[in-house]
């Protein structure tokens, strides 16, 4: 019986080794410091991109865009607390082994220009579909804002005044 147990342990070790070398597809979404000058932001993005290219294969990416955040992100730094209401948002889909993925997460966590990040398991098809949808939405015309909002407000006020309870 001891022999059977040893064989099972070797098989489990081999399975773990295969799992660590097997490639998977991940999506890294991250916010870069909004106070970075444009050139520094491009360098910070380039450093993340180079890290991912060095450890795996890029599948798709979205260039950094400055966005207003849905909520304030606070972060404690050596100089004190910093609050962020906006950030440069970017995402990169890449394929890497589990061991390379762990190294990527460690490096991204240590990057002081990245405010926050999320790393998800995904598929190549989902990444390509998201990229296609983004390109299509960029081609669509923007909805025209109603420039005469005062008329709508006046009509609403009149309707509320005439409302009988």
N, C-alpha and C. Protein backbone atom coordinates (compact mmCIF):
# COMPACT_ATOMS: atom_id res chain seq x y z
N UNK A 1 0.80 -1.19 0.00
CA UNK A 1 0.00 0.00 0.00
C UNK A 1 0.84 1.26 0.00
N UNK A 2 1.98 1.22 0.67
CA UNK A 2 2.85 2.38 0.70
C UNK A 2 3.34 2.74 -0.70
N UNK A 3 3.56 1.70 -1.51
CA UNK A 3 3.97 1.97 -2.88
C UNK A 3 2.90 2.71 -3.66
N UNK A 4 1.64 2.32 -3.48
CA UNK A 4 0.55 2.99 -4.16
C UNK A 4 0.47 4.46 -3.75
N UNK A 5 0.70 4.73 -2.49
CA UNK A 5 0.65 6.11 -1.98
C UNK A 5 1.74 6.96 -2.61
N UNK A 6 2.95 6.39 -2.74
CA UNK A 6 4.05 7.11 -3.37
C UNK A 6 3.73 7.45 -4.82
N UNK A 7 3.13 6.53 -5.53
CA UNK A 7 2.76 6.77 -6.92
C UNK A 7 1.75 7.90 -7.01
N UNK A 8 0.78 7.91 -6.08
CA UNK A 8 -0.22 8.97 -6.07
C UNK A 8 0.42 10.32 -5.77
N UNK A 9 1.38 10.37 -4.85
CA UNK A 9 2.06 11.63 -4.53
C UNK A 9 2.85 12.14 -5.73
N UNK A 10 3.52 11.27 -6.44
CA UNK A 10 4.26 11.68 -7.63
C UNK A 10 3.29 12.21 -8.66
N UNK A 11 2.17 11.56 -8.84
CA UNK A 11 1.18 12.01 -9.80
C UNK A 11 0.64 13.38 -9.42
N UNK A 12 0.41 13.61 -8.14
CA UNK A 12 -0.08 14.91 -7.69
C UNK A 12 0.98 15.98 -7.92
N UNK A 13 2.25 15.66 -7.65
CA UNK A 13 3.33 16.61 -7.90
C UNK A 13 3.45 16.93 -9.38
N UNK A 14 3.34 15.89 -10.21
CA UNK A 14 3.40 16.11 -11.65
C UNK A 14 2.23 16.95 -12.12
N UNK A 15 1.06 16.69 -11.57
CA UNK A 15 -0.12 17.48 -11.94
C UNK A 15 0.06 18.94 -11.55
N UNK A 16 0.64 19.20 -10.39
CA UNK A 16 0.89 20.57 -9.94
C UNK A 16 1.90 21.25 -10.85
N UNK A 17 2.93 20.52 -11.25
CA UNK A 17 3.94 21.08 -12.15
C UNK A 17 3.33 21.42 -13.51
N UNK A 18 2.48 20.55 -14.02
CA UNK A 18 1.82 20.80 -15.30
C UNK A 18 0.90 22.01 -15.17
N UNK A 19 0.18 22.13 -14.06
CA UNK A 19 -0.71 23.27 -13.84
C UNK A 19 0.07 24.58 -13.80
N UNK A 20 1.27 24.58 -13.24
CA UNK A 20 2.09 25.78 -13.17
C UNK A 20 2.65 26.19 -14.52
N UNK A 21 2.82 25.24 -15.44
CA UNK A 21 3.38 25.57 -16.74
C UNK A 21 2.29 25.77 -17.80
N UNK A 22 1.08 25.35 -17.50
CA UNK A 22 -0.03 25.51 -18.44
C UNK A 22 -0.43 26.98 -18.53
N UNK A 23 -0.59 27.50 -19.74
CA UNK A 23 -0.94 28.90 -19.93
C UNK A 23 -2.43 29.12 -19.74
N UNK A 24 -2.74 30.27 -19.16
CA UNK A 24 -4.13 30.70 -19.01
C UNK A 24 -4.21 32.16 -19.46
N UNK A 25 -5.41 32.62 -19.72
CA UNK A 25 -5.62 33.98 -20.20
C UNK A 25 -6.17 34.81 -19.04
N UNK A 26 -5.54 35.98 -18.81
CA UNK A 26 -5.93 36.87 -17.72
C UNK A 26 -6.17 38.28 -18.28
N UNK A 27 -7.00 39.02 -17.58
CA UNK A 27 -7.20 40.44 -17.92
C UNK A 27 -6.80 41.26 -16.72
N UNK A 28 -5.86 42.17 -16.94
CA UNK A 28 -5.40 43.08 -15.90
C UNK A 28 -5.98 44.45 -16.19
N UNK A 29 -6.84 44.94 -15.30
CA UNK A 29 -7.37 46.29 -15.39
C UNK A 29 -6.73 47.11 -14.29
N UNK A 30 -6.28 48.33 -14.61
CA UNK A 30 -5.58 49.11 -13.59
C UNK A 30 -5.80 50.61 -13.76
N UNK A 31 -5.72 51.31 -12.62
CA UNK A 31 -5.80 52.77 -12.58
C UNK A 31 -4.42 53.32 -12.30
N UNK A 32 -3.96 54.24 -13.14
CA UNK A 32 -2.69 54.92 -12.94
C UNK A 32 -2.95 56.28 -12.30
N UNK A 33 -1.98 56.77 -11.55
CA UNK A 33 -2.04 58.06 -10.85
C UNK A 33 -2.42 59.18 -11.83
N UNK A 34 -3.50 59.94 -11.57
CA UNK A 34 -3.93 60.98 -12.49
C UNK A 34 -3.03 62.21 -12.47
N UNK A 35 -2.18 62.34 -11.46
CA UNK A 35 -1.31 63.50 -11.36
C UNK A 35 0.00 63.31 -12.14
N UNK A 36 0.18 62.16 -12.74
CA UNK A 36 1.37 61.93 -13.56
C UNK A 36 1.29 62.77 -14.83
N UNK A 37 2.40 63.40 -15.21
CA UNK A 37 2.41 64.07 -16.52
C UNK A 37 2.19 63.02 -17.61
N UNK A 38 1.73 63.45 -18.77
CA UNK A 38 1.40 62.53 -19.86
C UNK A 38 2.57 61.61 -20.20
N UNK A 39 3.76 62.16 -20.28
CA UNK A 39 4.93 61.33 -20.62
C UNK A 39 5.21 60.28 -19.55
N UNK A 40 5.08 60.65 -18.28
CA UNK A 40 5.29 59.70 -17.19
C UNK A 40 4.21 58.62 -17.18
N UNK A 41 2.97 59.03 -17.47
CA UNK A 41 1.87 58.06 -17.55
C UNK A 41 2.14 57.04 -18.65
N UNK A 42 2.63 57.53 -19.81
CA UNK A 42 2.94 56.63 -20.92
C UNK A 42 4.07 55.68 -20.55
N UNK A 43 5.06 56.17 -19.80
CA UNK A 43 6.17 55.31 -19.36
C UNK A 43 5.67 54.25 -18.37
N UNK A 44 4.78 54.67 -17.45
CA UNK A 44 4.23 53.72 -16.46
C UNK A 44 3.41 52.64 -17.17
N UNK A 45 2.60 53.04 -18.14
CA UNK A 45 1.82 52.08 -18.92
C UNK A 45 2.75 51.15 -19.70
N UNK A 46 3.78 51.74 -20.32
CA UNK A 46 4.75 50.96 -21.08
C UNK A 46 5.48 49.94 -20.22
N UNK A 47 5.78 50.32 -18.97
CA UNK A 47 6.46 49.40 -18.05
C UNK A 47 5.58 48.19 -17.74
N UNK A 48 4.28 48.43 -17.53
CA UNK A 48 3.34 47.33 -17.26
C UNK A 48 3.23 46.45 -18.50
N UNK A 49 3.13 47.08 -19.65
CA UNK A 49 3.00 46.34 -20.91
C UNK A 49 4.24 45.48 -21.16
N UNK A 50 5.43 46.05 -20.93
CA UNK A 50 6.68 45.30 -21.12
C UNK A 50 6.76 44.12 -20.15
N UNK A 51 6.32 44.33 -18.91
CA UNK A 51 6.31 43.25 -17.93
C UNK A 51 5.46 42.09 -18.42
N UNK A 52 4.26 42.41 -18.92
CA UNK A 52 3.35 41.37 -19.41
C UNK A 52 3.90 40.68 -20.66
N UNK A 53 4.52 41.45 -21.55
CA UNK A 53 5.11 40.85 -22.75
C UNK A 53 6.28 39.94 -22.39
N UNK A 54 7.04 40.32 -21.36
CA UNK A 54 8.18 39.51 -20.95
C UNK A 54 7.79 38.21 -20.27
N UNK A 55 6.65 38.20 -19.62
CA UNK A 55 6.20 37.01 -18.88
C UNK A 55 5.16 36.20 -19.64
N UNK A 56 4.58 36.77 -20.69
CA UNK A 56 3.53 36.05 -21.41
C UNK A 56 3.32 36.63 -22.79
N UNK A 57 2.12 36.43 -23.32
CA UNK A 57 1.75 36.89 -24.66
C UNK A 57 0.56 37.83 -24.55
N UNK A 58 0.65 39.02 -25.17
CA UNK A 58 -0.47 39.95 -25.15
C UNK A 58 -1.55 39.49 -26.12
N UNK A 59 -2.81 39.61 -25.69
CA UNK A 59 -3.95 39.21 -26.51
C UNK A 59 -4.69 40.44 -27.01
N UNK A 60 -4.96 41.39 -26.12
CA UNK A 60 -5.68 42.62 -26.45
C UNK A 60 -5.34 43.66 -25.39
N UNK A 61 -5.58 44.94 -25.71
CA UNK A 61 -5.31 45.98 -24.74
C UNK A 61 -6.14 47.22 -25.03
N UNK A 62 -6.33 48.01 -23.99
CA UNK A 62 -7.00 49.29 -24.10
C UNK A 62 -6.06 50.36 -23.60
N UNK A 63 -5.77 51.35 -24.44
CA UNK A 63 -4.85 52.43 -24.08
C UNK A 63 -5.40 53.22 -22.88
N UNK A 64 -4.51 53.82 -22.08
CA UNK A 64 -4.96 54.59 -20.90
C UNK A 64 -5.82 55.78 -21.30
N UNK A 65 -6.91 55.95 -20.56
CA UNK A 65 -7.81 57.09 -20.74
C UNK A 65 -8.08 57.69 -19.37
N UNK A 66 -8.05 59.01 -19.27
CA UNK A 66 -8.34 59.64 -17.99
C UNK A 66 -9.86 59.61 -17.78
N UNK A 67 -10.27 59.08 -16.62
CA UNK A 67 -11.69 58.97 -16.32
C UNK A 67 -11.97 59.51 -14.93
N UNK A 68 -13.20 59.89 -14.70
CA UNK A 68 -13.65 60.28 -13.37
C UNK A 68 -14.07 58.99 -12.68
N UNK A 69 -13.60 58.79 -11.45
CA UNK A 69 -13.93 57.57 -10.72
C UNK A 69 -15.33 57.65 -10.13
N UNK A 70 -15.98 56.53 -10.00
CA UNK A 70 -17.33 56.47 -9.43
C UNK A 70 -17.32 56.82 -7.94
N UNK A 71 -16.21 56.60 -7.28
CA UNK A 71 -16.07 56.94 -5.87
C UNK A 71 -14.60 57.26 -5.61
N UNK A 72 -14.36 57.96 -4.52
CA UNK A 72 -13.01 58.37 -4.16
C UNK A 72 -12.22 57.17 -3.63
N UNK A 73 -11.01 57.02 -4.13
CA UNK A 73 -10.10 55.98 -3.65
C UNK A 73 -9.08 56.67 -2.75
N UNK A 74 -8.97 56.21 -1.53
CA UNK A 74 -7.98 56.75 -0.59
C UNK A 74 -6.86 55.74 -0.44
N UNK A 75 -5.64 56.27 -0.38
CA UNK A 75 -4.48 55.39 -0.25
C UNK A 75 -3.49 56.04 0.71
N UNK A 76 -3.00 55.26 1.64
CA UNK A 76 -1.99 55.73 2.58
C UNK A 76 -0.61 55.59 1.93
N UNK A 77 0.12 56.68 1.87
CA UNK A 77 1.47 56.68 1.33
C UNK A 77 2.42 57.19 2.40
N UNK A 78 3.71 57.14 2.13
CA UNK A 78 4.69 57.58 3.13
C UNK A 78 4.54 59.06 3.46
N UNK A 79 4.13 59.87 2.48
CA UNK A 79 3.95 61.30 2.71
C UNK A 79 2.60 61.62 3.33
N UNK A 80 1.73 60.66 3.48
CA UNK A 80 0.39 60.87 4.04
C UNK A 80 -0.67 60.24 3.17
N UNK A 81 -1.91 60.52 3.51
CA UNK A 81 -3.03 59.94 2.78
C UNK A 81 -3.29 60.74 1.50
N UNK A 82 -3.59 60.03 0.41
CA UNK A 82 -3.96 60.67 -0.85
C UNK A 82 -5.32 60.17 -1.28
N UNK A 83 -6.14 61.08 -1.78
CA UNK A 83 -7.46 60.76 -2.29
C UNK A 83 -7.45 60.95 -3.81
N UNK A 84 -8.07 60.01 -4.51
CA UNK A 84 -8.13 60.06 -5.97
C UNK A 84 -9.59 60.07 -6.41
N UNK A 85 -9.97 61.09 -7.21
CA UNK A 85 -11.30 61.18 -7.78
C UNK A 85 -11.29 60.86 -9.28
N UNK A 86 -10.09 60.79 -9.86
CA UNK A 86 -9.94 60.44 -11.26
C UNK A 86 -8.67 59.60 -11.40
N UNK A 87 -8.52 58.97 -12.56
CA UNK A 87 -7.34 58.14 -12.81
C UNK A 87 -7.25 57.86 -14.30
N UNK A 88 -6.08 57.41 -14.71
CA UNK A 88 -5.92 56.88 -16.07
C UNK A 88 -6.26 55.39 -15.99
N UNK A 89 -7.30 54.98 -16.71
CA UNK A 89 -7.69 53.58 -16.69
C UNK A 89 -7.19 52.89 -17.94
N UNK A 90 -6.68 51.68 -17.76
CA UNK A 90 -6.23 50.86 -18.88
C UNK A 90 -6.45 49.40 -18.55
N UNK A 91 -6.44 48.57 -19.57
CA UNK A 91 -6.56 47.13 -19.37
C UNK A 91 -5.72 46.41 -20.42
N UNK A 92 -5.22 45.26 -20.03
CA UNK A 92 -4.42 44.44 -20.94
C UNK A 92 -4.81 42.98 -20.70
N UNK A 93 -5.10 42.27 -21.77
CA UNK A 93 -5.39 40.84 -21.70
C UNK A 93 -4.13 40.12 -22.15
N UNK A 94 -3.70 39.15 -21.36
CA UNK A 94 -2.46 38.43 -21.65
C UNK A 94 -2.60 36.96 -21.30
N UNK A 95 -1.72 36.17 -21.88
CA UNK A 95 -1.68 34.73 -21.61
C UNK A 95 -0.35 34.43 -20.92
N UNK A 96 -0.41 33.72 -19.79
CA UNK A 96 0.80 33.41 -19.03
C UNK A 96 0.59 32.14 -18.23
N UNK A 97 1.70 31.56 -17.79
CA UNK A 97 1.64 30.38 -16.92
C UNK A 97 1.32 30.85 -15.50
N UNK A 98 0.94 29.93 -14.64
CA UNK A 98 0.58 30.28 -13.26
C UNK A 98 1.75 30.89 -12.51
N UNK A 99 2.95 30.36 -12.71
CA UNK A 99 4.12 30.91 -12.00
C UNK A 99 4.45 32.31 -12.50
N UNK A 100 4.35 32.54 -13.82
CA UNK A 100 4.57 33.89 -14.36
C UNK A 100 3.47 34.84 -13.90
N UNK A 101 2.25 34.34 -13.81
CA UNK A 101 1.13 35.15 -13.34
C UNK A 101 1.37 35.64 -11.91
N UNK A 102 1.88 34.78 -11.06
CA UNK A 102 2.18 35.17 -9.68
C UNK A 102 3.25 36.26 -9.65
N UNK A 103 4.26 36.15 -10.49
CA UNK A 103 5.31 37.17 -10.57
C UNK A 103 4.75 38.49 -11.08
N UNK A 104 3.84 38.44 -12.04
CA UNK A 104 3.20 39.65 -12.57
C UNK A 104 2.42 40.36 -11.47
N UNK A 105 1.63 39.60 -10.71
CA UNK A 105 0.85 40.21 -9.64
C UNK A 105 1.74 40.86 -8.58
N UNK A 106 2.86 40.23 -8.26
CA UNK A 106 3.80 40.80 -7.29
C UNK A 106 4.38 42.12 -7.81
N UNK A 107 4.77 42.14 -9.08
CA UNK A 107 5.35 43.34 -9.67
C UNK A 107 4.32 44.47 -9.78
N UNK A 108 3.10 44.15 -10.17
CA UNK A 108 2.05 45.17 -10.29
C UNK A 108 1.70 45.72 -8.91
N UNK A 109 1.66 44.88 -7.90
CA UNK A 109 1.37 45.34 -6.53
C UNK A 109 2.43 46.30 -6.03
N UNK A 110 3.66 46.13 -6.47
CA UNK A 110 4.77 46.97 -6.02
C UNK A 110 4.89 48.27 -6.81
N UNK A 111 4.18 48.39 -7.92
CA UNK A 111 4.26 49.58 -8.77
C UNK A 111 3.55 50.76 -8.09
N UNK A 112 4.29 51.80 -7.75
CA UNK A 112 3.75 52.95 -7.02
C UNK A 112 2.85 53.84 -7.88
N UNK A 113 2.94 53.71 -9.21
CA UNK A 113 2.10 54.53 -10.10
C UNK A 113 0.70 53.95 -10.25
N UNK A 114 0.52 52.68 -9.88
CA UNK A 114 -0.79 52.03 -9.99
C UNK A 114 -1.55 52.24 -8.69
N UNK A 115 -2.70 52.88 -8.80
CA UNK A 115 -3.54 53.16 -7.63
C UNK A 115 -4.26 51.90 -7.19
N UNK A 116 -4.87 51.23 -8.15
CA UNK A 116 -5.66 50.02 -7.88
C UNK A 116 -5.66 49.17 -9.14
N UNK A 117 -5.76 47.85 -8.96
CA UNK A 117 -5.83 46.96 -10.12
C UNK A 117 -6.70 45.77 -9.79
N UNK A 118 -7.14 45.11 -10.86
CA UNK A 118 -7.88 43.87 -10.75
C UNK A 118 -7.35 42.94 -11.83
N UNK A 119 -7.21 41.69 -11.48
CA UNK A 119 -6.71 40.69 -12.42
C UNK A 119 -7.71 39.55 -12.47
N UNK A 120 -8.26 39.29 -13.63
CA UNK A 120 -9.32 38.29 -13.79
C UNK A 120 -8.91 37.20 -14.76
N UNK A 121 -9.44 36.02 -14.54
CA UNK A 121 -9.27 34.91 -15.47
C UNK A 121 -10.31 35.09 -16.57
N UNK A 122 -9.92 35.01 -17.83
CA UNK A 122 -10.84 35.22 -18.94
C UNK A 122 -10.48 34.26 -20.07
N UNK A 123 -11.01 34.52 -21.25
CA UNK A 123 -10.69 33.73 -22.44
C UNK A 123 -10.28 34.67 -23.56
N UNK A 124 -9.60 34.13 -24.55
CA UNK A 124 -9.19 34.94 -25.70
C UNK A 124 -10.41 35.45 -26.46
N UNK A 125 -11.43 34.60 -26.60
CA UNK A 125 -12.64 35.00 -27.32
C UNK A 125 -13.34 36.16 -26.62
N UNK A 126 -13.46 36.09 -25.29
CA UNK A 126 -14.10 37.17 -24.55
C UNK A 126 -13.32 38.46 -24.69
N UNK A 127 -12.01 38.38 -24.67
CA UNK A 127 -11.17 39.57 -24.81
C UNK A 127 -11.31 40.19 -26.20
N UNK A 128 -11.30 39.36 -27.21
CA UNK A 128 -11.46 39.88 -28.57
C UNK A 128 -12.84 40.48 -28.78
N UNK A 129 -13.86 39.85 -28.21
CA UNK A 129 -15.22 40.38 -28.31
C UNK A 129 -15.30 41.75 -27.63
N UNK A 130 -14.72 41.89 -26.45
CA UNK A 130 -14.73 43.17 -25.74
C UNK A 130 -14.03 44.24 -26.55
N UNK A 131 -12.93 43.89 -27.18
CA UNK A 131 -12.20 44.84 -28.02
C UNK A 131 -13.03 45.26 -29.22
N UNK A 132 -13.70 44.31 -29.86
CA UNK A 132 -14.57 44.63 -31.00
C UNK A 132 -15.71 45.55 -30.57
N UNK A 133 -16.32 45.26 -29.43
CA UNK A 133 -17.43 46.10 -28.95
C UNK A 133 -16.95 47.51 -28.63
N UNK A 134 -15.76 47.63 -28.06
CA UNK A 134 -15.21 48.95 -27.76
C UNK A 134 -14.96 49.74 -29.04
N UNK A 135 -14.42 49.07 -30.07
CA UNK A 135 -14.17 49.74 -31.34
C UNK A 135 -15.48 50.16 -32.00
N UNK A 136 -16.51 49.32 -31.92
CA UNK A 136 -17.81 49.68 -32.48
C UNK A 136 -18.44 50.87 -31.76
N UNK A 137 -18.35 50.87 -30.44
CA UNK A 137 -18.94 51.98 -29.68
C UNK A 137 -18.19 53.28 -29.94
N UNK A 138 -16.91 53.20 -30.25
CA UNK A 138 -16.13 54.41 -30.55
C UNK A 138 -16.56 54.99 -31.90
N UNK A 139 -17.03 54.14 -32.81
CA UNK A 139 -17.46 54.61 -34.13
C UNK A 139 -18.87 55.20 -34.11
N UNK A 140 -19.69 54.81 -33.13
CA UNK A 140 -21.06 55.32 -33.06
C UNK A 140 -21.06 56.79 -32.67
N UNK A 141 -21.99 57.56 -33.25
CA UNK A 141 -22.06 58.98 -32.86
C UNK A 141 -22.55 59.11 -31.42
N UNK A 142 -22.05 60.12 -30.75
CA UNK A 142 -22.47 60.40 -29.38
C UNK A 142 -23.88 60.95 -29.40
N UNK A 143 -24.65 60.66 -28.33
CA UNK A 143 -26.00 61.21 -28.21
C UNK A 143 -25.90 62.70 -27.96
N UNK A 144 -26.68 63.47 -28.69
CA UNK A 144 -26.68 64.92 -28.50
C UNK A 144 -27.41 65.24 -27.20
N UNK A 145 -26.77 66.07 -26.40
CA UNK A 145 -27.40 66.50 -25.14
C UNK A 145 -28.51 67.49 -25.47
N UNK A 146 -29.58 67.46 -24.70
CA UNK A 146 -30.66 68.42 -24.86
C UNK A 146 -30.15 69.75 -24.33
N UNK A 147 -29.92 70.70 -25.26
CA UNK A 147 -29.33 71.97 -24.86
C UNK A 147 -30.34 72.88 -24.17
N UNK A 148 -31.61 72.65 -24.35
CA UNK A 148 -32.62 73.52 -23.74
C UNK A 148 -33.25 72.80 -22.55
N UNK A 149 -32.49 72.62 -21.49
CA UNK A 149 -33.01 71.94 -20.31
C UNK A 149 -33.91 72.84 -19.49
N UNK A 150 -33.79 74.15 -19.68
CA UNK A 150 -34.65 75.05 -18.91
C UNK A 150 -36.12 74.88 -19.31
N UNK A 151 -36.38 74.56 -20.59
CA UNK A 151 -37.75 74.35 -21.05
C UNK A 151 -38.34 73.11 -20.38
N UNK A 152 -37.58 72.07 -20.30
CA UNK A 152 -38.04 70.84 -19.66
C UNK A 152 -38.33 71.10 -18.19
N UNK A 153 -37.44 71.82 -17.52
CA UNK A 153 -37.63 72.15 -16.11
C UNK A 153 -38.87 72.99 -15.88
N UNK A 154 -39.11 73.96 -16.76
CA UNK A 154 -40.29 74.82 -16.64
C UNK A 154 -41.56 74.01 -16.85
N UNK A 155 -41.55 73.12 -17.84
CA UNK A 155 -42.73 72.28 -18.09
C UNK A 155 -42.99 71.36 -16.91
N UNK A 156 -41.96 70.83 -16.31
CA UNK A 156 -42.12 69.96 -15.15
C UNK A 156 -42.67 70.75 -13.96
N UNK A 157 -42.16 71.95 -13.73
CA UNK A 157 -42.67 72.79 -12.64
C UNK A 157 -44.14 73.11 -12.83
N UNK A 158 -44.53 73.45 -14.07
CA UNK A 158 -45.93 73.76 -14.37
C UNK A 158 -46.81 72.54 -14.14
N UNK A 159 -46.37 71.37 -14.55
CA UNK A 159 -47.15 70.16 -14.37
C UNK A 159 -47.31 69.83 -12.88
N UNK A 160 -46.27 70.04 -12.09
CA UNK A 160 -46.35 69.79 -10.66
C UNK A 160 -47.28 70.77 -9.94
N UNK A 161 -47.29 72.03 -10.39
CA UNK A 161 -48.17 73.04 -9.80
C UNK A 161 -49.63 72.73 -10.08
N UNK A 162 -49.91 72.20 -11.27
CA UNK A 162 -51.29 71.89 -11.67
C UNK A 162 -51.78 70.55 -11.16
N UNK A 163 -50.89 69.81 -10.51
CA UNK A 163 -51.26 68.50 -10.00
C UNK A 163 -52.22 68.65 -8.82
N UNK A 164 -53.32 67.95 -8.87
CA UNK A 164 -54.31 68.00 -7.80
C UNK A 164 -54.23 66.70 -7.02
N UNK A 165 -54.10 66.82 -5.73
CA UNK A 165 -54.00 65.62 -4.88
C UNK A 165 -55.34 65.37 -4.21
